[in-house]
Amino acid sequence: MSIPLSKEKEAEVVQSIVRFFGEKLDVEISQLQARLLVTYFFQEIAPFAYNKGVEDALKHLIRLGEDLPGTCFQEPLTYWDTEGGSRVRRKPQI
């Protein structure tokens, strides 16, 4: 798996890596070396972040699905009610 980047974004990332190596590690690397490092990170390490994001999204959707009856509940037999309020409300706890 690889994360596609526009040429502009890739150039920004490469420049950031070149700067990081120069300022933080006192090592000068070429743009080609930085580009190879980006490719390596995206192929080897980025999938961990991607998979964690998918896992978090799944957990969130499951929570929403489990609470759906409590979130969206249509009260039956309200024709004669004169309250005039919203008929969709949280399901009463039993």
PDB file of N, CA and C in Angstrom:
ATOM      1  N   MET A   1       0.852  -1.183   0.000  1.00  0.00           N
ATOM      2  CA  MET A   1       0.000   0.000   0.000  1.00  0.00           C
ATOM      3  C   MET A   1       0.884   1.228   0.000  1.00  0.00           C
ATOM      4  N   SER A   2       0.491   2.188  -0.769  1.00  0.00           N
ATOM      5  CA  SER A   2       1.214   3.450  -0.796  1.00  0.00           C
ATOM      6  C   SER A   2       0.195   4.582  -0.805  1.00  0.00           C
ATOM      7  N   ILE A   3       0.534   5.656  -0.166  1.00  0.00           N
ATOM      8  CA  ILE A   3      -0.365   6.803  -0.106  1.00  0.00           C
ATOM      9  C   ILE A   3      -0.001   7.738  -1.254  1.00  0.00           C
ATOM     10  N   PRO A   4      -0.929   7.994  -2.158  1.00  0.00           N
ATOM     11  CA  PRO A   4      -0.603   8.886  -3.270  1.00  0.00           C
ATOM     12  C   PRO A   4      -0.513  10.337  -2.809  1.00  0.00           C
ATOM     13  N   LEU A   5       0.503  11.020  -3.290  1.00  0.00           N
ATOM     14  CA  LEU A   5       0.686  12.440  -3.001  1.00  0.00           C
ATOM     15  C   LEU A   5       0.797  13.183  -4.315  1.00  0.00           C
ATOM     16  N   SER A   6       0.280  14.388  -4.333  1.00  0.00           N
ATOM     17  CA  SER A   6       0.486  15.230  -5.502  1.00  0.00           C
ATOM     18  C   SER A   6       1.973  15.583  -5.575  1.00  0.00           C
ATOM     19  N   LYS A   7       2.430  15.988  -6.748  1.00  0.00           N
ATOM     20  CA  LYS A   7       3.845  16.354  -6.901  1.00  0.00           C
ATOM     21  C   LYS A   7       4.212  17.498  -5.959  1.00  0.00           C
ATOM     22  N   GLU A   8       3.284  18.433  -5.761  1.00  0.00           N
ATOM     23  CA  GLU A   8       3.543  19.567  -4.880  1.00  0.00           C
ATOM     24  C   GLU A   8       3.709  19.112  -3.421  1.00  0.00           C
ATOM     25  N   LYS A   9       2.809  18.223  -2.963  1.00  0.00           N
ATOM     26  CA  LYS A   9       2.884  17.730  -1.582  1.00  0.00           C
ATOM     27  C   LYS A   9       4.141  16.892  -1.376  1.00  0.00           C
ATOM     28  N   GLU A  10       4.469  16.049  -2.362  1.00  0.00           N
ATOM     29  CA  GLU A  10       5.676  15.237  -2.249  1.00  0.00           C
ATOM     30  C   GLU A  10       6.915  16.125  -2.145  1.00  0.00           C
ATOM     31  N   ALA A  11       6.945  17.199  -2.934  1.00  0.00           N
ATOM     32  CA  ALA A  11       8.081  18.125  -2.881  1.00  0.00           C
ATOM     33  C   ALA A  11       8.179  18.771  -1.503  1.00  0.00           C
ATOM     34  N   GLU A  12       7.039  19.124  -0.904  1.00  0.00           N
ATOM     35  CA  GLU A  12       7.031  19.711   0.434  1.00  0.00           C
ATOM     36  C   GLU A  12       7.563  18.717   1.467  1.00  0.00           C
ATOM     37  N   VAL A  13       7.121  17.465   1.367  1.00  0.00           N
ATOM     38  CA  VAL A  13       7.560  16.432   2.307  1.00  0.00           C
ATOM     39  C   VAL A  13       9.061  16.192   2.158  1.00  0.00           C
ATOM     40  N   VAL A  14       9.537  16.109   0.924  1.00  0.00           N
ATOM     41  CA  VAL A  14      10.960  15.890   0.672  1.00  0.00           C
ATOM     42  C   VAL A  14      11.774  17.035   1.262  1.00  0.00           C
ATOM     43  N   GLN A  15      11.345  18.261   1.039  1.00  0.00           N
ATOM     44  CA  GLN A  15      12.062  19.416   1.592  1.00  0.00           C
ATOM     45  C   GLN A  15      12.080  19.372   3.116  1.00  0.00           C
ATOM     46  N   SER A  16      10.974  18.950   3.712  1.00  0.00           N
ATOM     47  CA  SER A  16      10.899  18.865   5.167  1.00  0.00           C
ATOM     48  C   SER A  16      11.880  17.824   5.697  1.00  0.00           C
ATOM     49  N   ILE A  17      11.981  16.698   5.009  1.00  0.00           N
ATOM     50  CA  ILE A  17      12.919  15.649   5.431  1.00  0.00           C
ATOM     51  C   ILE A  17      14.362  16.126   5.279  1.00  0.00           C
ATOM     52  N   VAL A  18      14.666  16.773   4.169  1.00  0.00           N
ATOM     53  CA  VAL A  18      16.018  17.305   3.964  1.00  0.00           C
ATOM     54  C   VAL A  18      16.359  18.284   5.083  1.00  0.00           C
ATOM     55  N   ARG A  19      15.415  19.147   5.414  1.00  0.00           N
ATOM     56  CA  ARG A  19      15.642  20.132   6.482  1.00  0.00           C
ATOM     57  C   ARG A  19      15.815  19.444   7.831  1.00  0.00           C
ATOM     58  N   PHE A  20      14.967  18.449   8.116  1.00  0.00           N
ATOM     59  CA  PHE A  20      15.055  17.721   9.379  1.00  0.00           C
ATOM     60  C   PHE A  20      16.433  17.087   9.548  1.00  0.00           C
ATOM     61  N   PHE A  21      16.884  16.385   8.527  1.00  0.00           N
ATOM     62  CA  PHE A  21      18.193  15.749   8.614  1.00  0.00           C
ATOM     63  C   PHE A  21      19.302  16.792   8.807  1.00  0.00           C
ATOM     64  N   GLY A  22      19.180  17.905   8.120  1.00  0.00           N
ATOM     65  CA  GLY A  22      20.200  18.940   8.231  1.00  0.00           C
ATOM     66  C   GLY A  22      20.223  19.615   9.582  1.00  0.00           C
ATOM     67  N   GLU A  23      19.047  19.994  10.096  1.00  0.00           N
ATOM     68  CA  GLU A  23      18.979  20.755  11.342  1.00  0.00           C
ATOM     69  C   GLU A  23      19.036  19.888  12.599  1.00  0.00           C
ATOM     70  N   LYS A  24      18.396  18.749  12.579  1.00  0.00           N
ATOM     71  CA  LYS A  24      18.307  17.930  13.787  1.00  0.00           C
ATOM     72  C   LYS A  24      19.406  16.882  13.886  1.00  0.00           C
ATOM     73  N   LEU A  25      19.881  16.395  12.737  1.00  0.00           N
ATOM     74  CA  LEU A  25      20.864  15.315  12.765  1.00  0.00           C
ATOM     75  C   LEU A  25      22.226  15.732  12.222  1.00  0.00           C
ATOM     76  N   ASP A  26      22.322  16.955  11.764  1.00  0.00           N
ATOM     77  CA  ASP A  26      23.574  17.454  11.179  1.00  0.00           C
ATOM     78  C   ASP A  26      24.074  16.563  10.038  1.00  0.00           C
ATOM     79  N   VAL A  27      23.131  16.086   9.236  1.00  0.00           N
ATOM     80  CA  VAL A  27      23.459  15.224   8.095  1.00  0.00           C
ATOM     81  C   VAL A  27      22.800  15.825   6.868  1.00  0.00           C
ATOM     82  N   GLU A  28      23.584  15.999   5.827  1.00  0.00           N
ATOM     83  CA  GLU A  28      23.005  16.509   4.585  1.00  0.00           C
ATOM     84  C   GLU A  28      22.640  15.331   3.692  1.00  0.00           C
ATOM     85  N   ILE A  29      21.376  15.300   3.282  1.00  0.00           N
ATOM     86  CA  ILE A  29      20.945  14.258   2.362  1.00  0.00           C
ATOM     87  C   ILE A  29      20.408  14.917   1.104  1.00  0.00           C
ATOM     88  N   SER A  30      20.458  14.191   0.014  1.00  0.00           N
ATOM     89  CA  SER A  30      19.971  14.722  -1.260  1.00  0.00           C
ATOM     90  C   SER A  30      18.455  14.576  -1.327  1.00  0.00           C
ATOM     91  N   GLN A  31      17.875  15.236  -2.306  1.00  0.00           N
ATOM     92  CA  GLN A  31      16.433  15.111  -2.507  1.00  0.00           C
ATOM     93  C   GLN A  31      16.072  13.689  -2.917  1.00  0.00           C
ATOM     94  N   LEU A  32      16.934  13.033  -3.663  1.00  0.00           N
ATOM     95  CA  LEU A  32      16.692  11.644  -4.052  1.00  0.00           C
ATOM     96  C   LEU A  32      16.659  10.746  -2.816  1.00  0.00           C
ATOM     97  N   GLN A  33      17.603  10.942  -1.913  1.00  0.00           N
ATOM     98  CA  GLN A  33      17.617  10.152  -0.678  1.00  0.00           C
ATOM     99  C   GLN A  33      16.359  10.414   0.156  1.00  0.00           C
ATOM    100  N   ALA A  34      15.962  11.658   0.234  1.00  0.00           N
ATOM    101  CA  ALA A  34      14.746  12.005   0.980  1.00  0.00           C
ATOM    102  C   ALA A  34      13.519  11.385   0.323  1.00  0.00           C
ATOM    103  N   ARG A  35      13.470  11.402  -0.998  1.00  0.00           N
ATOM    104  CA  ARG A  35      12.342  10.822  -1.725  1.00  0.00           C
ATOM    105  C   ARG A  35      12.282   9.309  -1.488  1.00  0.00           C
ATOM    106  N   LEU A  36      13.434   8.649  -1.482  1.00  0.00           N
ATOM    107  CA  LEU A  36      13.471   7.214  -1.194  1.00  0.00           C
ATOM    108  C   LEU A  36      12.999   6.928   0.229  1.00  0.00           C
ATOM    109  N   LEU A  37      13.343   7.804   1.153  1.00  0.00           N
ATOM    110  CA  LEU A  37      12.901   7.660   2.536  1.00  0.00           C
ATOM    111  C   LEU A  37      11.377   7.815   2.638  1.00  0.00           C
ATOM    112  N   VAL A  38      10.838   8.780   1.905  1.00  0.00           N
ATOM    113  CA  VAL A  38       9.377   8.969   1.885  1.00  0.00           C
ATOM    114  C   VAL A  38       8.706   7.706   1.359  1.00  0.00           C
ATOM    115  N   THR A  39       9.215   7.172   0.266  1.00  0.00           N
ATOM    116  CA  THR A  39       8.642   5.955  -0.317  1.00  0.00           C
ATOM    117  C   THR A  39       8.689   4.813   0.688  1.00  0.00           C
ATOM    118  N   TYR A  40       9.827   4.669   1.344  1.00  0.00           N
ATOM    119  CA  TYR A  40       9.970   3.614   2.346  1.00  0.00           C
ATOM    120  C   TYR A  40       8.952   3.782   3.472  1.00  0.00           C
ATOM    121  N   PHE A  41       8.868   4.986   4.039  1.00  0.00           N
ATOM    122  CA  PHE A  41       7.927   5.227   5.132  1.00  0.00           C
ATOM    123  C   PHE A  41       6.486   4.945   4.707  1.00  0.00           C
ATOM    124  N   PHE A  42       6.135   5.399   3.518  1.00  0.00           N
ATOM    125  CA  PHE A  42       4.757   5.223   3.071  1.00  0.00           C
ATOM    126  C   PHE A  42       4.429   3.757   2.825  1.00  0.00           C
ATOM    127  N   GLN A  43       5.386   2.981   2.371  1.00  0.00           N
ATOM    128  CA  GLN A  43       5.120   1.570   2.110  1.00  0.00           C
ATOM    129  C   GLN A  43       5.226   0.712   3.362  1.00  0.00           C
ATOM    130  N   GLU A  44       6.104   1.049   4.268  1.00  0.00           N
ATOM    131  CA  GLU A  44       6.362   0.207   5.424  1.00  0.00           C
ATOM    132  C   GLU A  44       5.670   0.650   6.708  1.00  0.00           C
ATOM    133  N   ILE A  45       5.553   1.942   6.926  1.00  0.00           N
ATOM    134  CA  ILE A  45       5.078   2.445   8.216  1.00  0.00           C
ATOM    135  C   ILE A  45       3.669   3.037   8.136  1.00  0.00           C
ATOM    136  N   ALA A  46       3.361   3.716   7.054  1.00  0.00           N
ATOM    137  CA  ALA A  46       2.046   4.355   6.925  1.00  0.00           C
ATOM    138  C   ALA A  46       0.879   3.382   7.076  1.00  0.00           C
ATOM    139  N   PRO A  47       0.999   2.120   6.634  1.00  0.00           N
ATOM    140  CA  PRO A  47      -0.125   1.198   6.827  1.00  0.00           C
ATOM    141  C   PRO A  47      -0.526   1.004   8.290  1.00  0.00           C
ATOM    142  N   PHE A  48       0.424   1.149   9.229  1.00  0.00           N
ATOM    143  CA  PHE A  48       0.049   1.067  10.640  1.00  0.00           C
ATOM    144  C   PHE A  48      -0.948   2.174  10.991  1.00  0.00           C
ATOM    145  N   ALA A  49      -0.669   3.391  10.559  1.00  0.00           N
ATOM    146  CA  ALA A  49      -1.565   4.521  10.828  1.00  0.00           C
ATOM    147  C   ALA A  49      -2.882   4.351  10.085  1.00  0.00           C
ATOM    148  N   TYR A  50      -2.804   3.890   8.841  1.00  0.00           N
ATOM    149  CA  TYR A  50      -4.021   3.676   8.049  1.00  0.00           C
ATOM    150  C   TYR A  50      -4.920   2.642   8.725  1.00  0.00           C
ATOM    151  N   ASN A  51      -4.330   1.508   9.113  1.00  0.00           N
ATOM    152  CA  ASN A  51      -5.117   0.445   9.741  1.00  0.00           C
ATOM    153  C   ASN A  51      -5.701   0.895  11.073  1.00  0.00           C
ATOM    154  N   LYS A  52      -4.966   1.701  11.825  1.00  0.00           N
ATOM    155  CA  LYS A  52      -5.490   2.233  13.088  1.00  0.00           C
ATOM    156  C   LYS A  52      -6.674   3.158  12.824  1.00  0.00           C
ATOM    157  N   GLY A  53      -6.581   3.957  11.769  1.00  0.00           N
ATOM    158  CA  GLY A  53      -7.695   4.830  11.408  1.00  0.00           C
ATOM    159  C   GLY A  53      -8.928   4.035  11.012  1.00  0.00           C
ATOM    160  N   VAL A  54      -8.737   2.962  10.256  1.00  0.00           N
ATOM    161  CA  VAL A  54      -9.864   2.105   9.869  1.00  0.00           C
ATOM    162  C   VAL A  54     -10.477   1.458  11.106  1.00  0.00           C
ATOM    163  N   GLU A  55      -9.620   0.979  12.016  1.00  0.00           N
ATOM    164  CA  GLU A  55     -10.097   0.360  13.256  1.00  0.00           C
ATOM    165  C   GLU A  55     -10.896   1.357  14.096  1.00  0.00           C
ATOM    166  N   ASP A  56     -10.383   2.582  14.227  1.00  0.00           N
ATOM    167  CA  ASP A  56     -11.091   3.616  14.996  1.00  0.00           C
ATOM    168  C   ASP A  56     -12.427   3.966  14.350  1.00  0.00           C
ATOM    169  N   ALA A  57     -12.446   4.071  13.023  1.00  0.00           N
ATOM    170  CA  ALA A  57     -13.686   4.384  12.312  1.00  0.00           C
ATOM    171  C   ALA A  57     -14.710   3.268  12.499  1.00  0.00           C
ATOM    172  N   LEU A  58     -14.254   2.016  12.438  1.00  0.00           N
ATOM    173  CA  LEU A  58     -15.153   0.882  12.636  1.00  0.00           C
ATOM    174  C   LEU A  58     -15.756   0.909  14.040  1.00  0.00           C
ATOM    175  N   LYS A  59     -14.922   1.140  15.050  1.00  0.00           N
ATOM    176  CA  LYS A  59     -15.424   1.210  16.426  1.00  0.00           C
ATOM    177  C   LYS A  59     -16.461   2.326  16.574  1.00  0.00           C
ATOM    178  N   HIS A  60     -16.174   3.464  15.951  1.00  0.00           N
ATOM    179  CA  HIS A  60     -17.106   4.598  16.025  1.00  0.00           C
ATOM    180  C   HIS A  60     -18.435   4.240  15.364  1.00  0.00           C
ATOM    181  N   LEU A  61     -18.388   3.637  14.190  1.00  0.00           N
ATOM    182  CA  LEU A  61     -19.622   3.267  13.482  1.00  0.00           C
ATOM    183  C   LEU A  61     -20.400   2.198  14.235  1.00  0.00           C
ATOM    184  N   ILE A  62     -19.700   1.256  14.853  1.00  0.00           N
ATOM    185  CA  ILE A  62     -20.388   0.229  15.650  1.00  0.00           C
ATOM    186  C   ILE A  62     -21.095   0.872  16.830  1.00  0.00           C
ATOM    187  N   ARG A  63     -20.413   1.819  17.513  1.00  0.00           N
ATOM    188  CA  ARG A  63     -21.057   2.524  18.638  1.00  0.00           C
ATOM    189  C   ARG A  63     -22.301   3.269  18.168  1.00  0.00           C
ATOM    190  N   LEU A  64     -22.201   3.932  17.018  1.00  0.00           N
ATOM    191  CA  LEU A  64     -23.367   4.654  16.500  1.00  0.00           C
ATOM    192  C   LEU A  64     -24.499   3.692  16.167  1.00  0.00           C
ATOM    193  N   GLY A  65     -24.149   2.557  15.565  1.00  0.00           N
ATOM    194  CA  GLY A  65     -25.163   1.570  15.203  1.00  0.00           C
ATOM    195  C   GLY A  65     -25.832   0.957  16.416  1.00  0.00           C
ATOM    196  N   GLU A  66     -25.046   0.688  17.461  1.00  0.00           N
ATOM    197  CA  GLU A  66     -25.608   0.106  18.677  1.00  0.00           C
ATOM    198  C   GLU A  66     -26.544   1.073  19.386  1.00  0.00           C
ATOM    199  N   ASP A  67     -26.279   2.372  19.265  1.00  0.00           N
ATOM    200  CA  ASP A  67     -27.100   3.363  19.951  1.00  0.00           C
ATOM    201  C   ASP A  67     -28.202   3.913  19.050  1.00  0.00           C
ATOM    202  N   LEU A  68     -28.326   3.397  17.846  1.00  0.00           N
ATOM    203  CA  LEU A  68     -29.320   3.925  16.909  1.00  0.00           C
ATOM    204  C   LEU A  68     -30.740   3.897  17.473  1.00  0.00           C
ATOM    205  N   PRO A  69     -31.196   2.809  18.097  1.00  0.00           N
ATOM    206  CA  PRO A  69     -32.550   2.841  18.655  1.00  0.00           C
ATOM    207  C   PRO A  69     -32.712   3.898  19.753  1.00  0.00           C
ATOM    208  N   GLY A  70     -31.651   4.173  20.486  1.00  0.00           N
ATOM    209  CA  GLY A  70     -31.729   5.186  21.534  1.00  0.00           C
ATOM    210  C   GLY A  70     -31.631   6.593  20.990  1.00  0.00           C
ATOM    211  N   THR A  71     -31.012   6.742  19.821  1.00  0.00           N
ATOM    212  CA  THR A  71     -30.834   8.056  19.229  1.00  0.00           C
ATOM    213  C   THR A  71     -32.045   8.458  18.395  1.00  0.00           C
ATOM    214  N   CYS A  72     -32.572   7.522  17.639  1.00  0.00           N
ATOM    215  CA  CYS A  72     -33.708   7.805  16.751  1.00  0.00           C
ATOM    216  C   CYS A  72     -34.852   6.867  17.103  1.00  0.00           C
ATOM    217  N   PHE A  73     -35.831   7.406  17.759  1.00  0.00           N
ATOM    218  CA  PHE A  73     -36.978   6.609  18.189  1.00  0.00           C
ATOM    219  C   PHE A  73     -38.240   7.390  17.871  1.00  0.00           C
ATOM    220  N   GLN A  74     -39.143   6.768  17.178  1.00  0.00           N
ATOM    221  CA  GLN A  74     -40.419   7.396  16.817  1.00  0.00           C
ATOM    222  C   GLN A  74     -41.476   6.894  17.792  1.00  0.00           C
ATOM    223  N   GLU A  75     -42.021   7.797  18.558  1.00  0.00           N
ATOM    224  CA  GLU A  75     -43.048   7.443  19.539  1.00  0.00           C
ATOM    225  C   GLU A  75     -44.328   7.067  18.794  1.00  0.00           C
ATOM    226  N   PRO A  76     -44.885   5.884  19.059  1.00  0.00           N
ATOM    227  CA  PRO A  76     -46.144   5.496  18.404  1.00  0.00           C
ATOM    228  C   PRO A  76     -47.363   6.075  19.130  1.00  0.00           C
ATOM    229  N   LEU A  77     -48.467   6.020  18.486  1.00  0.00           N
ATOM    230  CA  LEU A  77     -49.756   6.423  19.048  1.00  0.00           C
ATOM    231  C   LEU A  77     -49.736   7.851  19.600  1.00  0.00           C
ATOM    232  N   THR A  78     -49.366   8.779  18.748  1.00  0.00           N
ATOM    233  CA  THR A  78     -49.293  10.172  19.190  1.00  0.00           C
ATOM    234  C   THR A  78     -50.296  11.064  18.455  1.00  0.00           C
ATOM    235  N   TYR A  79     -51.199  10.479  17.732  1.00  0.00           N
ATOM    236  CA  TYR A  79     -52.154  11.264  16.952  1.00  0.00           C
ATOM    237  C   TYR A  79     -52.950  12.223  17.833  1.00  0.00           C
ATOM    238  N   TRP A  80     -53.358  11.776  19.016  1.00  0.00           N
ATOM    239  CA  TRP A  80     -54.212  12.590  19.873  1.00  0.00           C
ATOM    240  C   TRP A  80     -53.436  13.468  20.838  1.00  0.00           C
ATOM    241  N   ASP A  81     -52.097  13.373  20.816  1.00  0.00           N
ATOM    242  CA  ASP A  81     -51.296  14.235  21.686  1.00  0.00           C
ATOM    243  C   ASP A  81     -51.462  15.686  21.252  1.00  0.00           C
ATOM    244  N   THR A  82     -51.557  16.565  22.215  1.00  0.00           N
ATOM    245  CA  THR A  82     -51.700  17.985  21.900  1.00  0.00           C
ATOM    246  C   THR A  82     -50.433  18.761  22.221  1.00  0.00           C
ATOM    247  N   GLU A  83     -49.350  18.058  22.575  1.00  0.00           N
ATOM    248  CA  GLU A  83     -48.116  18.742  22.930  1.00  0.00           C
ATOM    249  C   GLU A  83     -47.560  19.532  21.760  1.00  0.00           C
ATOM    250  N   GLY A  84     -47.642  18.976  20.564  1.00  0.00           N
ATOM    251  CA  GLY A  84     -47.130  19.662  19.391  1.00  0.00           C
ATOM    252  C   GLY A  84     -45.619  19.667  19.293  1.00  0.00           C
ATOM    253  N   GLY A  85     -44.941  18.958  20.180  1.00  0.00           N
ATOM    254  CA  GLY A  85     -43.483  18.906  20.168  1.00  0.00           C
ATOM    255  C   GLY A  85     -42.971  17.898  19.157  1.00  0.00           C
ATOM    256  N   SER A  86     -41.696  17.732  19.158  1.00  0.00           N
ATOM    257  CA  SER A  86     -41.056  16.789  18.257  1.00  0.00           C
ATOM    258  C   SER A  86     -41.473  15.372  18.612  1.00  0.00           C
ATOM    259  N   ARG A  87     -41.799  14.597  17.593  1.00  0.00           N
ATOM    260  CA  ARG A  87     -42.213  13.221  17.834  1.00  0.00           C
ATOM    261  C   ARG A  87     -41.025  12.268  17.817  1.00  0.00           C
ATOM    262  N   VAL A  88     -39.903  12.712  17.324  1.00  0.00           N
ATOM    263  CA  VAL A  88     -38.707  11.868  17.329  1.00  0.00           C
ATOM    264  C   VAL A  88     -37.886  12.262  18.540  1.00  0.00           C
ATOM    265  N   ARG A  89     -37.625  11.302  19.413  1.00  0.00           N
ATOM    266  CA  ARG A  89     -36.888  11.587  20.626  1.00  0.00           C
ATOM    267  C   ARG A  89     -36.179  10.315  21.096  1.00  0.00           C
ATOM    268  N   ARG A  90     -35.407  10.454  22.143  1.00  0.00           N
ATOM    269  CA  ARG A  90     -34.697   9.281  22.689  1.00  0.00           C
ATOM    270  C   ARG A  90     -35.696   8.262  23.199  1.00  0.00           C
ATOM    271  N   LYS A  91     -35.364   7.014  22.963  1.00  0.00           N
ATOM    272  CA  LYS A  91     -36.213   5.931  23.430  1.00  0.00           C
ATOM    273  C   LYS A  91     -36.192   5.888  24.952  1.00  0.00           C
ATOM    274  N   PRO A  92     -37.346   5.772  25.577  1.00  0.00           N
ATOM    275  CA  PRO A  92     -37.385   5.706  27.039  1.00  0.00           C
ATOM    276  C   PRO A  92     -36.641   4.473  27.535  1.00  0.00           C
ATOM    277  N   GLN A  93     -35.901   4.637  28.613  1.00  0.00           N
ATOM    278  CA  GLN A  93     -35.174   3.505  29.213  1.00  0.00           C
ATOM    279  C   GLN A  93     -36.152   2.644  30.000  1.00  0.00           C
ATOM    280  N   ILE A  94     -36.031   1.359  29.813  1.00  0.00           N
ATOM    281  CA  ILE A  94     -36.934   0.438  30.501  1.00  0.00           C
ATOM    282  C   ILE A  94     -36.202  -0.230  31.626  1.00  0.00           C
TER     283      ILE A  94
END
